[in-house]
Protein backbone atom coordinates (compact mmCIF):
# COMPACT_ATOMS: atom_id res chain seq x y z
CA UNK A 1 29.43 11.89 -1.40
CA UNK A 2 31.85 8.99 -1.63
CA UNK A 3 30.84 5.37 -2.29
CA UNK A 4 31.76 4.63 1.32
CA UNK A 5 29.04 5.60 3.78
CA UNK A 6 30.88 7.66 6.40
CA UNK A 7 29.02 7.42 9.71
CA UNK A 8 29.23 9.33 12.98
CA UNK A 9 27.74 7.80 16.13
CA UNK A 10 25.93 10.35 18.27
CA UNK A 11 25.68 9.19 21.89
CA UNK A 12 28.37 6.69 22.81
CA UNK A 13 26.65 4.75 25.56
CA UNK A 14 26.46 1.02 26.21
CA UNK A 15 24.53 0.10 23.06
CA UNK A 16 26.77 2.19 20.81
CA UNK A 17 29.92 0.69 22.30
CA UNK A 18 28.73 -2.94 22.36
CA UNK A 19 26.70 -3.06 19.15
CA UNK A 20 26.92 -0.09 16.78
CA UNK A 21 30.69 0.33 16.65
CA UNK A 22 31.54 -3.35 15.96
CA UNK A 23 28.60 -3.68 13.55
CA UNK A 24 29.79 -0.75 11.44
CA UNK A 25 33.28 -2.31 11.39
CA UNK A 26 31.74 -5.50 9.93
CA UNK A 27 29.68 -3.70 7.29
CA UNK A 28 31.00 -3.50 3.75
CA UNK A 29 30.52 -0.02 2.35
CA UNK A 30 30.41 1.71 5.74
CA UNK A 31 32.98 3.29 8.03
CA UNK A 32 32.82 4.92 11.45
CA UNK A 33 34.61 8.27 11.14
CA UNK A 34 33.59 10.21 14.29
CA UNK A 35 31.86 9.99 17.65
CA UNK A 36 29.72 12.61 19.37
CA UNK A 37 29.35 12.41 23.14
CA UNK A 38 29.72 14.99 25.92
CA UNK A 39 32.01 12.70 27.91
CA UNK A 40 32.99 9.39 26.35
CA UNK A 41 35.92 9.48 23.94
CA UNK A 42 36.73 6.19 22.17
CA UNK A 43 40.41 6.08 21.20
CA UNK A 44 41.46 6.57 17.60
CA UNK A 45 38.41 8.50 16.41
CA UNK A 46 37.66 12.21 16.12
CA UNK A 47 35.51 13.22 19.06
CA UNK A 48 32.97 16.03 19.39
CA UNK A 49 30.95 17.13 22.41
CA UNK A 50 27.70 17.73 20.53
CA UNK A 51 26.18 17.31 17.09
CA UNK A 52 26.48 20.98 16.16
CA UNK A 53 30.22 20.84 16.81
CA UNK A 54 30.49 17.81 14.53
CA UNK A 55 28.50 19.48 11.76
CA UNK A 56 30.53 22.67 12.09
CA UNK A 57 34.08 21.42 12.69
CA UNK A 58 34.11 17.69 12.04
CA UNK A 59 35.24 15.51 9.16
CA UNK A 60 32.93 14.88 6.21
CA UNK A 61 30.18 12.49 7.26
CA UNK A 62 27.34 11.12 5.16
CA UNK A 63 25.21 9.76 7.99
CA UNK A 64 24.64 9.86 11.73
CA UNK A 65 23.50 7.02 13.96
CA UNK A 66 21.54 8.58 16.82
CA UNK A 67 22.05 6.47 19.94
CA UNK A 68 21.03 9.19 22.38
CA UNK A 69 18.00 8.96 24.72
CA UNK A 70 14.70 9.35 22.84
CA UNK A 71 13.84 12.61 24.59
CA UNK A 72 16.51 14.54 22.62
CA UNK A 73 16.54 12.62 19.37
CA UNK A 74 14.00 14.65 17.38
CA UNK A 75 16.04 17.85 17.49
CA UNK A 76 19.22 15.97 16.58
CA UNK A 77 17.58 14.19 13.66
CA UNK A 78 16.10 17.45 12.37
CA UNK A 79 19.51 19.15 12.52
CA UNK A 80 21.25 16.27 10.77
CA UNK A 81 18.68 16.12 7.97
CA UNK A 82 18.88 19.90 7.53
CA UNK A 83 22.64 19.46 7.11
CA UNK A 84 22.09 16.86 4.37
CA UNK A 85 22.94 13.76 6.40
CA UNK A 86 21.26 10.37 6.37
CA UNK A 87 19.87 9.43 9.80
CA UNK A 88 19.62 6.09 11.59
CA UNK A 89 17.44 6.20 14.71
CA UNK A 90 18.08 3.69 17.48
CA UNK A 91 14.90 2.29 18.89
CA UNK A 92 12.58 3.74 20.01
CA UNK A 93 12.79 6.22 17.13
CA UNK A 94 11.46 9.10 19.23
CA UNK A 95 9.76 10.07 22.46
CA UNK A 96 6.38 10.48 20.71
CA UNK A 97 4.70 9.19 17.58
CA UNK A 98 3.79 12.58 16.13
CA UNK A 99 7.33 13.96 16.24
CA UNK A 100 8.37 11.47 13.55
CA UNK A 101 5.99 12.94 10.95
CA UNK A 102 7.99 16.14 10.32
CA UNK A 103 11.22 14.11 10.22
CA UNK A 104 9.80 11.86 7.51
CA UNK A 105 8.84 14.95 5.53
CA UNK A 106 12.26 16.55 6.10
CA UNK A 107 14.06 13.42 4.89
CA UNK A 108 11.92 13.31 1.77
CA UNK A 109 12.54 17.01 1.07
CA UNK A 110 16.29 16.64 1.62
CA UNK A 111 16.51 13.47 -0.45
CA UNK A 112 18.05 11.63 2.48
CA UNK A 113 17.37 8.34 4.25
CA UNK A 114 15.57 8.19 7.58
CA UNK A 115 15.76 4.71 9.11
CA UNK A 116 13.83 3.70 12.24
CA UNK A 117 16.01 0.76 13.11
CA UNK A 118 14.01 -1.95 14.88
CA UNK A 119 17.09 -4.10 15.49
CA UNK A 120 15.20 -7.09 16.91
CA UNK A 121 13.48 -7.59 13.55
CA UNK A 122 16.93 -8.46 12.22
CA UNK A 123 17.46 -11.31 14.69
CA UNK A 124 18.28 -14.52 12.81
CA UNK A 125 15.04 -16.43 13.55
CA UNK A 126 12.53 -13.71 12.70
CA UNK A 127 12.19 -14.42 8.98
CA UNK A 128 11.79 -18.14 9.58
CA UNK A 129 9.16 -17.51 12.25
CA UNK A 130 7.16 -15.26 9.92
CA UNK A 131 7.20 -17.89 7.16
CA UNK A 132 6.28 -20.69 9.57
CA UNK A 133 3.34 -18.79 11.07
CA UNK A 134 2.04 -17.69 7.67
CA UNK A 135 0.82 -21.23 7.08
CA UNK A 136 -0.69 -21.76 10.54
CA UNK A 137 -3.84 -20.79 12.41
CA UNK A 138 -2.72 -19.00 15.57
CA UNK A 139 -5.03 -19.37 18.59
CA UNK A 140 -3.09 -17.51 21.30
CA UNK A 141 0.14 -15.58 21.79
CA UNK A 142 2.05 -14.86 24.98
CA UNK A 143 5.11 -12.67 25.42
CA UNK A 144 7.44 -12.81 28.43
CA UNK A 145 10.07 -10.07 28.19
CA UNK A 146 11.88 -9.68 31.51
CA UNK A 147 15.37 -8.54 32.42
CA UNK A 148 17.36 -6.90 35.21
CA UNK A 149 17.50 -3.16 34.57
CA UNK A 150 20.62 -2.88 36.74
CA UNK A 151 22.46 -5.29 34.43
CA UNK A 152 21.16 -4.14 31.04
CA UNK A 153 20.79 -0.41 31.69
CA UNK A 154 23.29 0.43 34.43
CA UNK A 155 23.30 4.05 35.51
CA UNK A 156 20.87 5.10 32.76
CA UNK A 157 18.64 7.37 34.81
CA UNK A 158 16.99 8.79 31.68
CA UNK A 159 15.15 5.53 31.12
CA UNK A 160 12.93 6.21 34.16
CA UNK A 161 12.31 9.85 33.28
CA UNK A 162 9.29 11.10 31.34
CA UNK A 163 9.77 10.08 27.71
CA UNK A 164 12.34 7.44 28.68
CA UNK A 165 9.87 4.54 28.23
CA UNK A 166 10.93 2.61 31.33
CA UNK A 167 10.38 -1.12 30.79
CA UNK A 168 9.01 -0.37 27.31
CA UNK A 169 12.55 0.44 26.17
CA UNK A 170 13.35 -3.29 25.92
CA UNK A 171 9.68 -4.24 25.62
CA UNK A 172 9.31 -2.39 22.34
CA UNK A 173 11.75 -4.94 20.90
CA UNK A 174 9.15 -7.65 21.52
CA UNK A 175 6.45 -5.52 19.91
CA UNK A 176 8.67 -4.90 16.89
CA UNK A 177 9.09 -8.66 16.46
CA UNK A 178 5.40 -9.37 17.02
CA UNK A 179 4.28 -6.84 14.40
CA UNK A 180 6.78 -8.37 11.97
CA UNK A 181 5.78 -12.03 12.33
CA UNK A 182 1.99 -11.82 12.69
CA UNK A 183 -0.15 -11.41 9.57
CA UNK A 184 -2.70 -8.83 10.83
CA UNK A 185 -2.45 -5.36 12.43
CA UNK A 186 -2.61 -5.31 16.24
CA UNK A 187 -4.22 -3.00 18.76
CA UNK A 188 -4.14 -2.55 22.54
CA UNK A 189 -7.19 -3.66 24.53
CA UNK A 190 -5.94 -2.93 28.05
CA UNK A 191 -2.79 -2.38 30.07
CA UNK A 192 -1.61 -2.16 33.67
CA UNK A 193 1.59 -0.17 34.18
CA UNK A 194 3.63 -0.43 37.39
CA UNK A 195 5.31 2.88 38.26
CA UNK A 196 7.83 3.03 41.11
CA UNK A 197 6.71 5.72 43.54
CA UNK A 198 9.87 7.74 42.81
CA UNK A 199 9.99 7.35 39.02
CA UNK A 200 8.18 8.80 36.00
CA UNK A 201 8.23 5.67 33.79
CA UNK A 202 7.03 2.11 34.44
CA UNK A 203 9.20 -0.68 35.75
CA UNK A 204 6.75 -3.40 34.68
CA UNK A 205 3.65 -3.78 32.52
CA UNK A 206 0.95 -6.27 31.57
CA UNK A 207 -0.79 -5.65 28.26
CA UNK A 208 -3.60 -7.33 26.38
CA UNK A 209 -3.44 -7.01 22.59
CA UNK A 210 -5.70 -8.31 19.85
CA UNK A 211 -6.15 -8.28 16.09
CA UNK A 212 -9.29 -7.96 13.97
CA UNK A 213 -9.87 -11.73 14.11
CA UNK A 214 -9.97 -11.68 17.92
CA UNK A 215 -6.55 -13.25 18.46
CA UNK A 216 -5.67 -12.83 22.15
CA UNK A 217 -2.13 -11.70 22.93
CA UNK A 218 -0.90 -11.45 26.53
CA UNK A 219 2.26 -9.45 27.23
CA UNK A 220 4.38 -9.24 30.36
CA UNK A 221 7.31 -6.82 30.66
CA UNK A 222 9.40 -6.53 33.82
CA UNK A 223 12.65 -4.77 34.70
CA UNK A 224 12.91 -6.50 38.11
CA UNK A 225 14.01 -9.90 36.82
CA UNK A 226 17.18 -11.25 38.40
CA UNK A 227 19.45 -13.83 36.83
CA UNK A 228 19.10 -14.69 33.16
CA UNK A 229 16.68 -12.61 31.10
CA UNK A 230 13.58 -14.01 29.41
CA UNK A 231 12.94 -12.70 25.89
CA UNK A 232 10.33 -15.16 24.64
CA UNK A 233 7.32 -15.15 22.30
CA UNK A 234 5.09 -18.24 22.27
CA UNK A 235 2.47 -18.75 19.55
CA UNK A 236 -0.06 -21.55 20.02
CA UNK A 237 -1.17 -23.00 16.66
CA UNK A 238 -3.29 -25.88 15.39
CA UNK A 239 -0.07 -27.75 14.61
CA UNK A 240 1.53 -27.13 18.00
CA UNK A 241 3.51 -24.35 19.67
CA UNK A 242 5.95 -22.08 17.83
CA UNK A 243 8.40 -20.40 20.20
CA UNK A 244 10.91 -17.62 19.65
CA UNK A 245 13.52 -17.38 22.40
CA UNK A 246 16.57 -15.31 23.31
CA UNK A 247 15.17 -12.22 21.62
CA UNK A 248 14.73 -13.92 18.27
CA UNK A 249 17.93 -15.94 18.07
CA UNK A 250 16.21 -19.31 18.64
CA UNK A 251 13.08 -20.77 17.04
CA UNK A 252 11.36 -24.06 17.87
CA UNK A 253 8.45 -25.67 16.08
CA UNK A 254 7.03 -27.85 18.82
CA UNK A 255 10.04 -29.83 20.04
CA UNK A 256 11.97 -29.36 16.80
CA UNK A 257 14.76 -26.75 16.70
CA UNK A 258 14.47 -24.63 13.55
CA UNK A 259 16.99 -21.84 14.18
CA UNK A 260 19.69 -21.50 16.82
CA UNK A 261 22.09 -18.75 15.79
CA UNK A 262 24.44 -16.16 17.20
CA UNK A 263 23.50 -12.51 17.55
CA UNK A 264 24.02 -10.71 14.24
CA UNK A 265 21.21 -8.15 14.49
CA UNK A 266 23.25 -4.99 14.22
CA UNK A 267 25.45 -6.00 11.27
CA UNK A 268 22.23 -6.87 9.41
CA UNK A 269 20.79 -3.53 10.50
CA UNK A 270 23.71 -1.62 9.03
CA UNK A 271 23.63 -3.61 5.81
CA UNK A 272 20.03 -2.47 5.48
CA UNK A 273 21.03 1.14 6.20
CA UNK A 274 23.73 1.08 3.52
CA UNK A 275 21.24 -0.34 1.01
CA UNK A 276 18.61 2.28 1.88
CA UNK A 277 21.06 5.16 1.44
CA UNK A 278 22.30 3.74 -1.88
CA UNK A 279 18.71 3.45 -3.14
CA UNK A 280 17.61 6.83 -1.80
CA UNK A 281 14.85 5.31 0.36
CA UNK A 282 13.62 5.67 3.92
CA UNK A 283 12.21 3.01 6.25
CA UNK A 284 10.14 4.35 9.15
CA UNK A 285 7.59 1.92 10.57
CA UNK A 286 5.89 3.51 13.58
CA UNK A 287 3.68 0.53 14.48
CA UNK A 288 5.64 -0.66 17.55
CA UNK A 289 5.89 2.91 18.86
CA UNK A 290 2.14 3.40 18.37
CA UNK A 291 1.40 0.28 20.44
CA UNK A 292 3.56 1.66 23.26
CA UNK A 293 1.81 5.03 23.06
CA UNK A 294 -1.61 3.32 23.16
CA UNK A 295 -0.51 1.26 26.16
CA UNK A 296 0.27 4.48 28.01
CA UNK A 297 -3.02 5.99 26.82
CA UNK A 298 -5.18 3.06 27.97
CA UNK A 299 -3.00 1.83 30.81
CA UNK A 300 -4.11 1.81 34.42
CA UNK A 301 -1.31 3.24 36.53
CA UNK A 302 -0.35 1.23 39.61
CA UNK A 303 2.18 2.56 42.13
CA UNK A 304 4.78 0.09 43.41
CA UNK A 305 7.76 0.39 45.71
CA UNK A 306 10.45 2.95 44.98
CA UNK A 307 13.31 1.89 42.76
CA UNK A 308 16.91 2.80 43.58
CA UNK A 309 19.64 1.98 41.09
C-alpha cells in the first residue's frame, strides 16, 4: 500500500456529501479515490453501484468509509475486511451490538483497522469538558437532544425501519459524548419510547440513566422539534453548571464561555483514522450502542400519531 490512504466512500447520502467528502479533502495523508452508491454519482470520481463492483473493477483503495444505513453495514464491512481494506464505520457502527464482535475479530485476523467513528466525540469542546468535569462532583445530568427529522434526515425512510434507530440515530451522538466526558460507566434504568403508529422505530424517547455512584441522568430525544435544534448536555456540579451546547461546539462553565468553535468533527475523525491505519490499530467502542440496545430492551413502547415525511 502507498503512504497515501486511498479511501472509497460507500453510500453517498447527505452525511457523506456534507461531511465525509470535504473532511477527507482536508486530511493530510488521505485521498478520496472512488464512490459507491446505487444512484448518486459525484462528478470527477470513479463511481460504482455496489461494493462488490468496486472491489472487483475499481481503482486500488486502502480503506472504505461505510456511510450506508446500519442495517446493511455488517455485510459490507465483512466483505471489505476480507478484501484487505481498512474500514471506517459511520455511527451507529451496526444495527446490533453482537454483529460487531466478528468484525473486530476479522480486522484483527486481517491486520486491518476497524474504526467505529463516534464523530461527536471529536467536537471541539469535548476534551475541555472531560477535563473540567474530572475535578468536579457531578450531582445531576440532563440531556436535551431534539431536531426536526424532516430537515436533518429528509427522505431517509430507512431511519424509521427496523434497525434504523429512529430518534436514536442522532441521540446516540449525545450518548457517545456522555460516555466520553463522565468518569464512570453508565447503565439504563428505564426508558419510554414513542413509536408512530405507522413506523417501526421511535420518533422520541425519554431515558433515565445512572452510574454506580447513583448519579441521575435524564435524557430527552425528539425528532418532532421545529426551528433550531437543541443538542445540549447540562451537568450540575458543586461549583455550578457545566453546559455543552450545539452538539459539543460550545462549552460554558457557569456563565463563563470556555469553548466556542466551528464544526471540525469530521476532519479530526479522519486524522484519527489515518493514524490508526498507520499504527495498525483498531478503535471500536461499543458503549454508546449498548446503551441504545438496553434502552430498547427496557423501554416501554408508547404509540403516538402516525408520521408522514
